[in-house]
C-alpha atoms as a PDB file:
ATOM      1  CA  MET A   1      -0.219   0.420   0.416  1.00  0.00           C
ATOM      2  CA  SER A   2       1.434   3.327  -1.016  1.00  0.00           C
ATOM      3  CA  PRO A   3       1.704   6.013   1.184  1.00  0.00           C
ATOM      4  CA  THR A   4      -1.241   8.518   1.146  1.00  0.00           C
ATOM      5  CA  PRO A   5      -0.560  12.445   1.026  1.00  0.00           C
ATOM      6  CA  LEU A   6      -0.930  12.928   4.272  1.00  0.00           C
ATOM      7  CA  GLN A   7       1.404  10.475   5.208  1.00  0.00           C
ATOM      8  CA  ILE A   8       4.204  11.664   3.002  1.00  0.00           C
ATOM      9  CA  LYS A   9       4.168  15.141   4.078  1.00  0.00           C
ATOM     10  CA  ILE A  10       4.258  14.064   7.556  1.00  0.00           C
ATOM     11  CA  ASN A  11       7.253  11.646   7.589  1.00  0.00           C
ATOM     12  CA  ALA A  12       8.803  14.348   5.415  1.00  0.00           C
ATOM     13  CA  LEU A  13       8.457  17.113   7.783  1.00  0.00           C
ATOM     14  CA  LYS A  14       9.910  14.538  10.396  1.00  0.00           C
ATOM     15  CA  ARG A  15      12.597  14.047   7.613  1.00  0.00           C
ATOM     16  CA  LEU A  16      12.800  17.664   8.292  1.00  0.00           C
ATOM     17  CA  ILE A  17      13.204  18.165  12.247  1.00  0.00           C
ATOM     18  CA  LYS A  18      15.680  15.632  11.971  1.00  0.00           C
ATOM     19  CA  GLU A  19      17.762  17.112   9.958  1.00  0.00           C
ATOM     20  CA  GLU A  20      17.632  20.139  11.562  1.00  0.00           C
ATOM     21  CA  SER A  21      18.866  18.811  14.803  1.00  0.00           C
ATOM     22  CA  LEU A  22      21.654  16.748  13.100  1.00  0.00           C
ATOM     23  CA  TYR A  23      23.241  20.245  11.356  1.00  0.00           C
ATOM     24  CA  LYS A  24      22.054  21.751  13.930  1.00  0.00           C
ATOM     25  CA  GLN A  25      24.994  19.230  16.362  1.00  0.00           C
ATOM     26  CA  GLU A  26      27.129  19.336  13.401  1.00  0.00           C
ATOM     27  CA  VAL A  27      27.842  22.784  14.007  1.00  0.00           C
ATOM     28  CA  GLN A  28      28.270  22.319  17.670  1.00  0.00           C
ATOM     29  CA  GLU A  29      31.053  19.387  17.018  1.00  0.00           C
ATOM     30  CA  GLN A  30      32.815  21.297  14.453  1.00  0.00           C
ATOM     31  CA  GLU A  31      32.931  24.045  15.955  1.00  0.00           C
ATOM     32  CA  GLU A  32      33.996  22.365  19.661  1.00  0.00           C
ATOM     33  CA  TYR A  33      36.627  20.250  16.817  1.00  0.00           C
ATOM     34  CA  VAL A  34      37.800  23.407  14.917  1.00  0.00           C
ATOM     35  CA  ASN A  35      38.916  25.493  18.603  1.00  0.00           C
ATOM     36  CA  GLN A  36      41.126  21.973  19.503  1.00  0.00           C
ATOM     37  CA  MET A  37      42.858  22.139  15.821  1.00  0.00           C
ATOM     38  CA  ARG A  38      43.364  26.164  16.624  1.00  0.00           C
ATOM     39  CA  SER A  39      44.819  25.479  20.252  1.00  0.00           C
ATOM     40  CA  ASN A  40      47.183  22.422  18.853  1.00  0.00           C
ATOM     41  CA  LYS A  41      48.532  25.087  16.450  1.00  0.00           C
ATOM     42  CA  ALA A  42      47.230  22.243  13.647  1.00  0.00           C
ATOM     43  CA  ASP A  43      48.617  22.354  10.054  1.00  0.00           C
ATOM     44  CA  GLU A  44      46.642  25.975   8.821  1.00  0.00           C
ATOM     45  CA  TYR A  45      45.636  23.851   5.345  1.00  0.00           C
ATOM     46  CA  GLU A  46      43.888  21.629   7.139  1.00  0.00           C
ATOM     47  CA  LEU A  47      42.213  24.340   9.671  1.00  0.00           C
ATOM     48  CA  LYS A  48      41.450  25.576   6.942  1.00  0.00           C
ATOM     49  CA  LYS A  49      38.903  22.997   5.360  1.00  0.00           C
ATOM     50  CA  GLN A  50      37.788  22.121   9.042  1.00  0.00           C
ATOM     51  CA  VAL A  51      36.486  26.226   9.284  1.00  0.00           C
ATOM     52  CA  GLU A  52      35.150  25.608   5.671  1.00  0.00           C
ATOM     53  CA  VAL A  53      33.308  22.327   6.703  1.00  0.00           C
ATOM     54  CA  LEU A  54      31.898  24.607   9.407  1.00  0.00           C
ATOM     55  CA  GLU A  55      30.710  26.980   7.021  1.00  0.00           C
ATOM     56  CA  GLU A  56      28.445  24.744   5.096  1.00  0.00           C
ATOM     57  CA  ALA A  57      27.098  23.067   7.934  1.00  0.00           C
ATOM     58  CA  LYS A  58      26.156  27.060   9.453  1.00  0.00           C
ATOM     59  CA  ARG A  59      24.977  27.591   6.647  1.00  0.00           C
ATOM     60  CA  MET A  60      22.784  24.932   5.759  1.00  0.00           C
ATOM     61  CA  VAL A  61      20.542  25.137   9.273  1.00  0.00           C
ATOM     62  CA  PRO A  62      18.357  28.388   7.835  1.00  0.00           C
ATOM     63  CA  GLU A  63      18.011  26.592   4.749  1.00  0.00           C
ATOM     64  CA  VAL A  64      17.186  23.667   6.635  1.00  0.00           C
ATOM     65  CA  THR A  65      14.928  25.625   8.886  1.00  0.00           C
ATOM     66  CA  LYS A  66      13.209  27.839   6.088  1.00  0.00           C
ATOM     67  CA  LYS A  67      12.269  23.942   3.914  1.00  0.00           C
ATOM     68  CA  ILE A  68      10.234  24.090   7.920  1.00  0.00           C
ATOM     69  CA  SER A  69       8.235  26.831   7.647  1.00  0.00           C
ATOM     70  CA  GLN A  70       7.570  25.899   4.441  1.00  0.00           C
ATOM     71  CA  HIS A  71       5.656  22.613   4.787  1.00  0.00           C
ATOM     72  CA  ARG A  72       4.701  22.873   8.378  1.00  0.00           C
ATOM     73  CA  GLU A  73       2.490  25.727   5.965  1.00  0.00           C
ATOM     74  CA  ALA A  74       2.099  23.498   3.153  1.00  0.00           C
ATOM     75  CA  LEU A  75       0.574  21.000   5.695  1.00  0.00           C
ATOM     76  CA  ARG A  76      -1.429  23.601   7.662  1.00  0.00           C
ATOM     77  CA  VAL A  77      -3.035  24.414   3.603  1.00  0.00           C
ATOM     78  CA  PHE A  78      -3.596  20.387   3.234  1.00  0.00           C
ATOM     79  CA  LEU A  79      -5.547  20.381   6.826  1.00  0.00           C
ATOM     80  CA  ASP A  80      -7.766  23.589   6.063  1.00  0.00           C
ATOM     81  CA  THR A  81      -9.267  21.498   3.141  1.00  0.00           C
ATOM     82  CA  TYR A  82      -9.145  17.636   3.880  1.00  0.00           C
ATOM     83  CA  LYS A  83     -11.944  15.276   4.150  1.00  0.00           C
ATOM     84  CA  GLY A  84     -10.501  11.664   4.217  1.00  0.00           C
ATOM     85  CA  GLU A  85     -11.178   9.633   6.765  1.00  0.00           C
ATOM     86  CA  GLU A  86      -7.176   9.567   8.324  1.00  0.00           C
ATOM     87  CA  ASP A  87      -6.638  10.381  11.469  1.00  0.00           C
ATOM     88  CA  VAL A  88      -4.548  13.405  11.679  1.00  0.00           C
ATOM     89  CA  ALA A  89      -3.243  13.827  15.098  1.00  0.00           C
ATOM     90  CA  ALA A  90       0.260  14.098  13.832  1.00  0.00           C
ATOM     91  CA  ALA A  91       0.028  15.728  11.620  1.00  0.00           C
ATOM     92  CA  LYS A  92      -1.557  18.245  13.695  1.00  0.00           C
ATOM     93  CA  GLU A  93       0.529  17.657  16.726  1.00  0.00           C
ATOM     94  CA  LEU A  94       3.535  18.880  14.139  1.00  0.00           C
ATOM     95  CA  LEU A  95       1.835  21.760  13.554  1.00  0.00           C
ATOM     96  CA  ALA A  96       2.070  22.007  17.475  1.00  0.00           C
END
């Protein structure tokens, strides 16, 4: 049985929320690693590459946050017009 449009929207939003938390965790861990490299006077090239990784992770957080808000709005609009028989409790919980 294929997933319904409601299930797809719920799962996409859950995935994005999880992705956001993973990016935030990556930023925190990468900041600690870069600071450790700086205090240990690591090779400049390696340090530069790790700073680039950190900056990329930092750029991803607002992008994912933006996608989450877009998906939440799409789910809200979908629920406003939804007439199906499915339980919408999980969707409403994600919107809360």
